[in-house]
Amino acid sequence: TLERPDPQLCPDYRTGIVCIFSSVVIELLAEPLYVWAQTQGFIKLKVMADGLFLMTRTLLMVALVSRWPQKAILVFSGAQVCASLSYLCLYYVYFIYVQKRRFSDFMPKMSDKNQPYIDRSLIIITISFLKNTTLKQFLTEGERFVMTFLRVLTFAEQGVYDVVNNIGSLPARMILQPIEESGFVLFTQKMDRQKAPADQTPSDLAESALILRNFIKIMSLLGLIILIFGVNYSELALLIYGGRPLSAGDNGLATAMNSRQLDAFNKNMIYISVVFLMSSYLLTKWWGSQGFIMANCLNMGSRIAISVRFIKSYYGSTKVVEPLNGSIPHQFVLWTFVSTFGILFTIKPYLCCAD
């Protein structure tokens, strides 16, 4: 059985779990509308829904925590449920009153007598995506499974790790993830997954290669900026956020594939998942919570290598210039980043965080 926190410290633990589970079910009810909106290119609707979700959750949490600070878990889980309800309602209100759709259009319905009950043409691709989603879940949240089931960290250490991990992932969630999602929508409209690269429309293939190259270059520049300032001043950010005790505790665009390519990618993901889970357990045994960070670095490096190989194989059979050519920043830019890193590393002890 899983270890439960002390009821004196977490009196609303059971209620919080029920609320979080309910919020997941509520958001799943909006998933068909979300998918339909993505296929139709309703980008503004997605932005509005995500903005309403974050605003509702944040405002409720701030207002209620300031009023009942001793009920932090209950407040967080309740705000999550309210935000999920607002997210669900916005999608249904938009499609029913703006798009003039009926509520029954989004509900399961019986097929005609002349048609099979289940569309068998979608079963294979659905199974492939299910396997891919499961493997991605292990790769994204694998360290949490290790922490929960193997108890390599105490609850206090898990709390510190979660705070550090959440703060460190803010640039990825706020900057990189929206770019990735927008690129995914764009590529699904430009490219037909069921066609081979040589059978794609030449103009769309060339345009997709150019867009992908620019995306990779932008991501590389943003990643270098985060790396340079994060390595040198992440401890300062944690010091400002949580004080000395906390500061001491210190890929996606390339996976738009058809079912056959997705199955091949899933095999690689299985190997990466096994390596990631094993490395998370072993590195954590040796170096504590820092081992999870090292395992995540190994995980992301492996996924980048697989994505690079996929891009080279996909565009290698066409006459289009490979997107990886020209995606690396100019040498002058790279040397500028190296110099900046050296300067920041040198002046770091004088600004903060001196040993």
Protein backbone atom coordinates (compact mmCIF):
# COMPACT_ATOMS: atom_id res chain seq x y z
CA THR A 1 0.00 0.00 0.00
CA LEU A 2 1.05 3.60 -0.59
CA GLU A 3 2.21 5.67 2.32
CA ARG A 4 -0.37 8.22 3.44
CA PRO A 5 0.62 11.52 5.03
CA ASP A 6 -0.09 12.23 8.65
CA PRO A 7 -3.79 13.23 9.05
CA GLN A 8 -2.71 15.96 11.44
CA LEU A 9 -0.59 17.54 8.68
CA CYS A 10 -2.94 16.82 5.76
CA PRO A 11 -6.50 16.58 7.14
CA ASP A 12 -8.11 16.97 3.70
CA TYR A 13 -5.92 14.47 1.86
CA ARG A 14 -8.76 12.08 0.90
CA THR A 15 -11.07 14.91 -0.19
CA GLY A 16 -8.28 16.43 -2.26
CA ILE A 17 -7.71 13.17 -4.13
CA VAL A 18 -11.45 12.87 -4.91
CA CYS A 19 -11.55 16.47 -6.19
CA ILE A 20 -8.51 16.04 -8.41
CA PHE A 21 -9.95 12.82 -9.85
CA SER A 22 -13.26 14.62 -10.50
CA SER A 23 -11.48 17.47 -12.29
CA VAL A 24 -9.77 14.95 -14.58
CA VAL A 25 -13.14 13.40 -15.50
CA ILE A 26 -14.63 16.85 -16.13
CA GLU A 27 -11.79 17.85 -18.45
CA LEU A 28 -12.13 14.53 -20.32
CA LEU A 29 -15.73 15.50 -21.15
CA ALA A 30 -14.34 18.54 -22.99
CA GLU A 31 -11.76 16.49 -24.90
CA PRO A 32 -13.96 15.75 -27.98
CA LEU A 33 -14.68 19.46 -28.37
CA TYR A 34 -11.02 20.31 -27.87
CA VAL A 35 -9.97 17.86 -30.61
CA TRP A 36 -12.63 19.19 -32.96
CA ALA A 37 -11.55 22.77 -32.30
CA GLN A 38 -7.93 21.84 -33.04
CA THR A 39 -8.81 20.20 -36.35
CA GLN A 40 -10.86 23.24 -37.36
CA GLY A 41 -8.08 25.66 -36.40
CA PHE A 42 -10.01 27.44 -33.61
CA ILE A 43 -6.80 28.71 -31.99
CA LYS A 44 -8.47 31.68 -30.28
CA LEU A 45 -10.93 29.33 -28.58
CA LYS A 46 -8.08 27.24 -27.19
CA VAL A 47 -6.31 30.36 -25.90
CA MET A 48 -9.51 31.62 -24.29
CA ALA A 49 -10.23 28.25 -22.66
CA ASP A 50 -6.70 27.87 -21.28
CA GLY A 51 -6.71 31.48 -20.09
CA LEU A 52 -10.07 31.08 -18.36
CA PHE A 53 -8.88 27.86 -16.72
CA LEU A 54 -5.69 29.44 -15.34
CA MET A 55 -7.41 32.66 -14.29
CA THR A 56 -10.22 30.85 -12.47
CA ARG A 57 -7.88 28.49 -10.65
CA THR A 58 -5.37 31.18 -9.71
CA LEU A 59 -7.87 33.77 -8.50
CA LEU A 60 -9.80 31.23 -6.45
CA MET A 61 -6.63 29.84 -4.90
CA VAL A 62 -5.31 33.27 -3.96
CA ALA A 63 -8.64 34.44 -2.52
CA LEU A 64 -9.41 31.26 -0.58
CA VAL A 65 -5.89 30.54 0.68
CA SER A 66 -5.63 34.07 2.07
CA ARG A 67 -8.94 33.46 3.86
CA TRP A 68 -8.34 29.85 5.01
CA PRO A 69 -4.58 29.17 4.93
CA GLN A 70 -4.99 26.04 7.06
CA LYS A 71 -7.16 24.48 4.30
CA ALA A 72 -4.56 24.74 1.53
CA ILE A 73 -5.12 21.24 0.11
CA LEU A 74 -8.90 21.62 0.07
CA VAL A 75 -8.61 25.07 -1.51
CA PHE A 76 -6.25 23.86 -4.24
CA SER A 77 -8.38 20.85 -5.15
CA GLY A 78 -11.61 22.87 -5.04
CA ALA A 79 -10.13 25.56 -7.27
CA GLN A 80 -9.03 22.84 -9.68
CA VAL A 81 -12.59 21.50 -9.93
CA CYS A 82 -14.04 24.99 -10.48
CA ALA A 83 -11.46 25.74 -13.17
CA SER A 84 -12.22 22.44 -14.92
CA LEU A 85 -15.94 23.24 -14.89
CA SER A 86 -15.34 26.67 -16.40
CA TYR A 87 -13.12 25.06 -19.05
CA LEU A 88 -15.85 22.53 -19.93
CA CYS A 89 -18.63 25.12 -20.00
CA LEU A 90 -16.73 27.47 -22.30
CA TYR A 91 -16.28 24.79 -24.95
CA TYR A 92 -19.93 23.67 -24.86
CA VAL A 93 -21.27 27.23 -24.81
CA TYR A 94 -19.11 28.16 -27.80
CA PHE A 95 -20.13 25.19 -29.93
CA ILE A 96 -23.82 25.23 -28.98
CA TYR A 97 -24.51 28.97 -29.13
CA VAL A 98 -21.83 30.22 -31.54
CA GLN A 99 -21.35 27.26 -33.87
CA LYS A 100 -25.04 26.28 -33.59
CA ARG A 101 -24.24 22.66 -32.80
CA ARG A 102 -26.52 20.40 -30.84
CA PHE A 103 -25.41 18.89 -27.57
CA SER A 104 -26.17 15.43 -28.93
CA ASP A 105 -23.63 15.96 -31.73
CA PHE A 106 -20.85 15.44 -29.20
CA MET A 107 -22.39 12.49 -27.42
CA PRO A 108 -21.92 8.81 -28.38
CA LYS A 109 -24.57 7.56 -30.75
CA MET A 110 -25.56 4.29 -32.40
CA SER A 111 -24.36 3.74 -35.95
CA ASP A 112 -26.68 3.06 -38.84
CA LYS A 113 -27.74 -0.54 -39.32
CA ASN A 114 -25.71 -0.77 -42.53
CA GLN A 115 -22.53 0.38 -40.80
CA PRO A 116 -20.42 -1.42 -38.18
CA TYR A 117 -20.85 -0.31 -34.58
CA ILE A 118 -17.12 0.51 -34.37
CA ASP A 119 -15.15 2.15 -37.16
CA ARG A 120 -12.44 -0.46 -37.59
CA SER A 121 -10.28 1.90 -39.67
CA LEU A 122 -9.68 3.94 -36.53
CA ILE A 123 -8.90 1.06 -34.17
CA ILE A 124 -5.26 0.63 -35.22
CA ILE A 125 -4.40 4.32 -35.04
CA THR A 126 -6.26 4.61 -31.72
CA ILE A 127 -4.29 1.73 -30.21
CA SER A 128 -1.04 3.24 -31.48
CA PHE A 129 -1.83 6.59 -29.90
CA LEU A 130 -2.89 4.89 -26.67
CA LYS A 131 0.47 3.10 -26.44
CA ASN A 132 2.29 6.31 -27.32
CA THR A 133 0.37 8.29 -24.69
CA THR A 134 1.07 5.67 -22.02
CA LEU A 135 4.78 5.65 -22.79
CA LYS A 136 4.91 9.44 -22.84
CA GLN A 137 3.21 9.47 -19.45
CA PHE A 138 5.96 7.26 -18.05
CA LEU A 139 8.64 9.46 -19.60
CA THR A 140 7.02 12.69 -18.42
CA GLU A 141 5.92 11.60 -14.94
CA GLY A 142 8.17 8.58 -14.46
CA GLU A 143 10.04 10.05 -11.53
CA ARG A 144 6.74 10.51 -9.68
CA PHE A 145 5.96 6.80 -10.06
CA VAL A 146 9.41 6.00 -8.68
CA MET A 147 8.93 8.41 -5.77
CA THR A 148 5.44 7.09 -4.98
CA PHE A 149 5.88 3.35 -5.28
CA LEU A 150 9.55 2.87 -4.30
CA ARG A 151 9.69 5.54 -1.58
CA VAL A 152 13.17 6.73 -2.47
CA LEU A 153 12.35 10.18 -1.03
CA THR A 154 10.44 11.31 2.03
CA PHE A 155 7.32 13.46 1.66
CA ALA A 156 9.34 16.52 2.70
CA GLU A 157 11.98 15.81 0.04
CA GLN A 158 9.25 15.18 -2.54
CA GLY A 159 7.72 18.56 -1.69
CA VAL A 160 11.02 20.37 -2.20
CA TYR A 161 11.62 18.49 -5.44
CA ASP A 162 8.13 19.34 -6.75
CA VAL A 163 8.61 23.05 -6.02
CA VAL A 164 12.02 23.11 -7.71
CA ASN A 165 10.75 21.05 -10.64
CA ASN A 166 7.64 23.19 -11.14
CA ILE A 167 9.59 26.45 -11.04
CA GLY A 168 12.23 25.06 -13.37
CA SER A 169 9.61 23.90 -15.85
CA LEU A 170 7.84 27.27 -16.01
CA PRO A 171 9.75 28.40 -19.15
CA ALA A 172 8.91 25.13 -20.87
CA ARG A 173 5.20 25.37 -19.99
CA MET A 174 4.82 29.09 -20.69
CA ILE A 175 7.07 29.49 -23.75
CA LEU A 176 8.06 26.20 -25.35
CA GLN A 177 4.80 24.25 -24.94
CA PRO A 178 2.57 26.83 -26.73
CA ILE A 179 5.04 26.91 -29.62
CA GLU A 180 5.02 23.12 -29.80
CA GLU A 181 1.22 22.91 -29.76
CA SER A 182 0.85 25.60 -32.43
CA GLY A 183 3.41 23.85 -34.60
CA PHE A 184 1.63 20.54 -34.19
CA VAL A 185 -1.67 22.05 -35.38
CA LEU A 186 0.08 23.70 -38.32
CA PHE A 187 1.85 20.52 -39.45
CA THR A 188 -1.32 18.42 -39.23
CA GLN A 189 -2.96 20.86 -41.64
CA LYS A 190 0.01 20.99 -44.01
CA MET A 191 0.91 17.30 -44.13
CA ASP A 192 -1.13 14.16 -44.69
CA ARG A 193 0.02 11.52 -42.20
CA GLN A 194 -1.14 8.64 -44.33
CA LYS A 195 0.98 9.67 -47.35
CA ALA A 196 4.67 9.00 -47.82
CA PRO A 197 6.95 12.07 -47.96
CA ALA A 198 7.43 11.69 -51.73
CA ASP A 199 3.63 11.75 -52.23
CA GLN A 200 3.08 14.99 -50.34
CA THR A 201 2.35 18.24 -52.17
CA PRO A 202 5.80 19.70 -53.04
CA SER A 203 4.90 23.22 -51.93
CA ASP A 204 3.50 22.03 -48.59
CA LEU A 205 6.49 19.75 -48.04
CA ALA A 206 8.96 22.59 -48.70
CA GLU A 207 7.00 24.99 -46.51
CA SER A 208 6.79 22.48 -43.66
CA ALA A 209 10.55 21.91 -43.85
CA LEU A 210 11.19 25.67 -43.68
CA ILE A 211 8.81 26.12 -40.75
CA LEU A 212 10.33 23.18 -38.90
CA ARG A 213 13.84 24.56 -39.40
CA ASN A 214 12.77 27.94 -37.98
CA PHE A 215 11.02 26.24 -35.08
CA ILE A 216 14.13 24.24 -34.23
CA LYS A 217 16.32 27.36 -34.39
CA ILE A 218 13.94 29.31 -32.15
CA MET A 219 13.76 26.45 -29.66
CA SER A 220 17.56 26.16 -29.67
CA LEU A 221 17.99 29.87 -28.94
CA LEU A 222 15.39 29.83 -26.17
CA GLY A 223 16.95 26.69 -24.70
CA LEU A 224 20.41 28.26 -24.69
CA ILE A 225 19.09 31.37 -22.94
CA ILE A 226 17.37 29.25 -20.29
CA LEU A 227 20.50 27.11 -19.89
CA ILE A 228 22.87 30.05 -19.44
CA PHE A 229 20.77 31.93 -16.90
CA GLY A 230 19.27 28.82 -15.28
CA VAL A 231 22.58 27.15 -14.43
CA ASN A 232 24.01 30.32 -12.92
CA TYR A 233 20.98 31.87 -11.24
CA SER A 234 18.47 29.11 -10.55
CA GLU A 235 19.64 29.09 -6.93
CA LEU A 236 19.01 32.84 -6.72
CA ALA A 237 15.48 32.35 -8.10
CA LEU A 238 14.78 29.68 -5.47
CA LEU A 239 16.31 31.88 -2.78
CA ILE A 240 13.97 34.73 -3.69
CA TYR A 241 10.98 32.39 -3.95
CA GLY A 242 11.38 30.21 -0.88
CA GLY A 243 14.37 31.26 1.16
CA ARG A 244 17.61 29.48 1.98
CA PRO A 245 16.20 25.99 2.83
CA LEU A 246 14.50 25.72 -0.56
CA SER A 247 17.43 27.11 -2.53
CA ALA A 248 19.63 24.44 -0.99
CA GLY A 249 17.41 21.72 -2.54
CA ASP A 250 18.32 22.56 -5.67
CA ASN A 251 10.07 17.52 -27.54
CA GLY A 252 7.04 17.07 -29.48
CA LEU A 253 7.26 18.94 -32.82
CA ALA A 254 9.03 16.05 -34.47
CA THR A 255 6.51 13.33 -33.56
CA ALA A 256 3.66 13.93 -36.02
CA MET A 257 3.54 10.43 -37.53
CA ASN A 258 1.19 7.92 -39.08
CA SER A 259 0.29 4.64 -37.35
CA ARG A 260 3.21 2.66 -38.81
CA GLN A 261 5.75 5.32 -37.90
CA LEU A 262 4.12 5.71 -34.50
CA ASP A 263 4.47 1.98 -33.76
CA ALA A 264 8.17 2.13 -34.65
CA PHE A 265 8.54 5.21 -32.46
CA ASN A 266 6.75 3.40 -29.61
CA LYS A 267 9.39 0.65 -29.66
CA ASN A 268 12.09 3.25 -29.11
CA MET A 269 9.97 4.83 -26.38
CA ILE A 270 9.79 1.49 -24.58
CA TYR A 271 13.59 1.29 -24.44
CA ILE A 272 13.82 4.90 -23.27
CA SER A 273 11.13 4.30 -20.61
CA VAL A 274 13.00 1.32 -19.19
CA VAL A 275 16.30 3.20 -19.14
CA PHE A 276 14.64 6.28 -17.64
CA LEU A 277 12.89 4.40 -14.82
CA MET A 278 16.03 2.40 -13.98
CA SER A 279 18.24 5.48 -14.06
CA SER A 280 15.72 7.40 -11.92
CA TYR A 281 15.83 4.70 -9.26
CA LEU A 282 19.61 4.17 -9.30
CA LEU A 283 20.64 7.84 -9.58
CA THR A 284 18.23 8.78 -6.80
CA LYS A 285 19.73 6.08 -4.57
CA TRP A 286 23.18 7.56 -5.19
CA TRP A 287 22.52 11.33 -5.30
CA GLY A 288 19.04 11.83 -3.80
CA SER A 289 16.58 14.16 -5.53
CA GLN A 290 19.32 15.43 -7.85
CA GLY A 291 19.30 11.98 -9.45
CA PHE A 292 15.83 12.70 -10.88
CA ILE A 293 17.20 15.77 -12.64
CA MET A 294 20.04 13.72 -14.13
CA ALA A 295 17.61 11.01 -15.26
CA ASN A 296 15.40 13.65 -16.90
CA CYS A 297 18.41 15.02 -18.77
CA LEU A 298 19.18 11.50 -20.01
CA ASN A 299 15.53 11.04 -20.98
CA MET A 300 15.31 14.28 -22.98
CA GLY A 301 18.66 13.65 -24.67
CA SER A 302 17.44 10.24 -25.87
CA ARG A 303 14.18 11.68 -27.18
CA ILE A 304 16.03 14.44 -29.03
CA ALA A 305 18.30 11.86 -30.67
CA ILE A 306 15.28 9.81 -31.84
CA SER A 307 13.53 12.93 -33.17
CA VAL A 308 16.65 13.98 -35.09
CA ARG A 309 16.88 10.53 -36.65
CA PHE A 310 13.20 10.66 -37.63
CA ILE A 311 13.57 14.09 -39.27
CA LYS A 312 16.61 12.94 -41.26
CA SER A 313 14.85 9.76 -42.43
CA TYR A 314 11.59 11.58 -43.30
CA TYR A 315 13.08 14.37 -45.39
CA GLY A 316 16.05 12.33 -46.62
CA SER A 317 13.91 10.63 -49.27
CA THR A 318 12.76 13.96 -50.76
CA LYS A 319 14.43 16.75 -52.71
CA VAL A 320 13.56 19.26 -50.03
CA VAL A 321 16.43 20.79 -48.09
CA GLU A 322 16.65 18.99 -44.76
CA PRO A 323 15.25 21.13 -41.90
CA LEU A 324 18.26 20.36 -39.69
CA ASN A 325 20.52 22.16 -42.18
CA GLY A 326 20.64 25.75 -41.03
CA SER A 327 18.76 25.10 -37.79
CA ILE A 328 21.90 25.46 -35.65
CA PRO A 329 22.52 29.08 -34.57
CA HIS A 330 25.41 30.97 -36.16
CA GLN A 331 28.90 30.51 -34.67
CA PHE A 332 28.99 34.15 -33.56
CA VAL A 333 25.75 33.61 -31.62
CA LEU A 334 27.10 30.44 -30.01
CA TRP A 335 30.34 32.14 -28.96
CA THR A 336 28.28 35.01 -27.56
CA PHE A 337 26.35 32.55 -25.42
CA VAL A 338 29.58 30.89 -24.26
CA SER A 339 31.06 34.28 -23.31
CA THR A 340 27.88 35.29 -21.49
CA PHE A 341 27.91 32.01 -19.55
CA GLY A 342 31.52 32.61 -18.50
CA ILE A 343 30.81 36.17 -17.38
CA LEU A 344 27.72 35.19 -15.39
CA PHE A 345 29.53 32.26 -13.80
CA THR A 346 32.41 34.56 -12.79
CA ILE A 347 30.27 37.27 -11.19
CA LYS A 348 27.81 34.85 -9.58
CA PRO A 349 29.67 34.59 -6.22
CA TYR A 350 29.69 38.39 -5.93
CA LEU A 351 25.96 38.75 -6.55
CA CYS A 352 24.55 35.81 -4.61
CA CYS A 353 24.89 32.20 -3.64
CA ALA A 354 28.51 32.34 -2.48
CA ASP A 355 29.64 29.16 -0.75
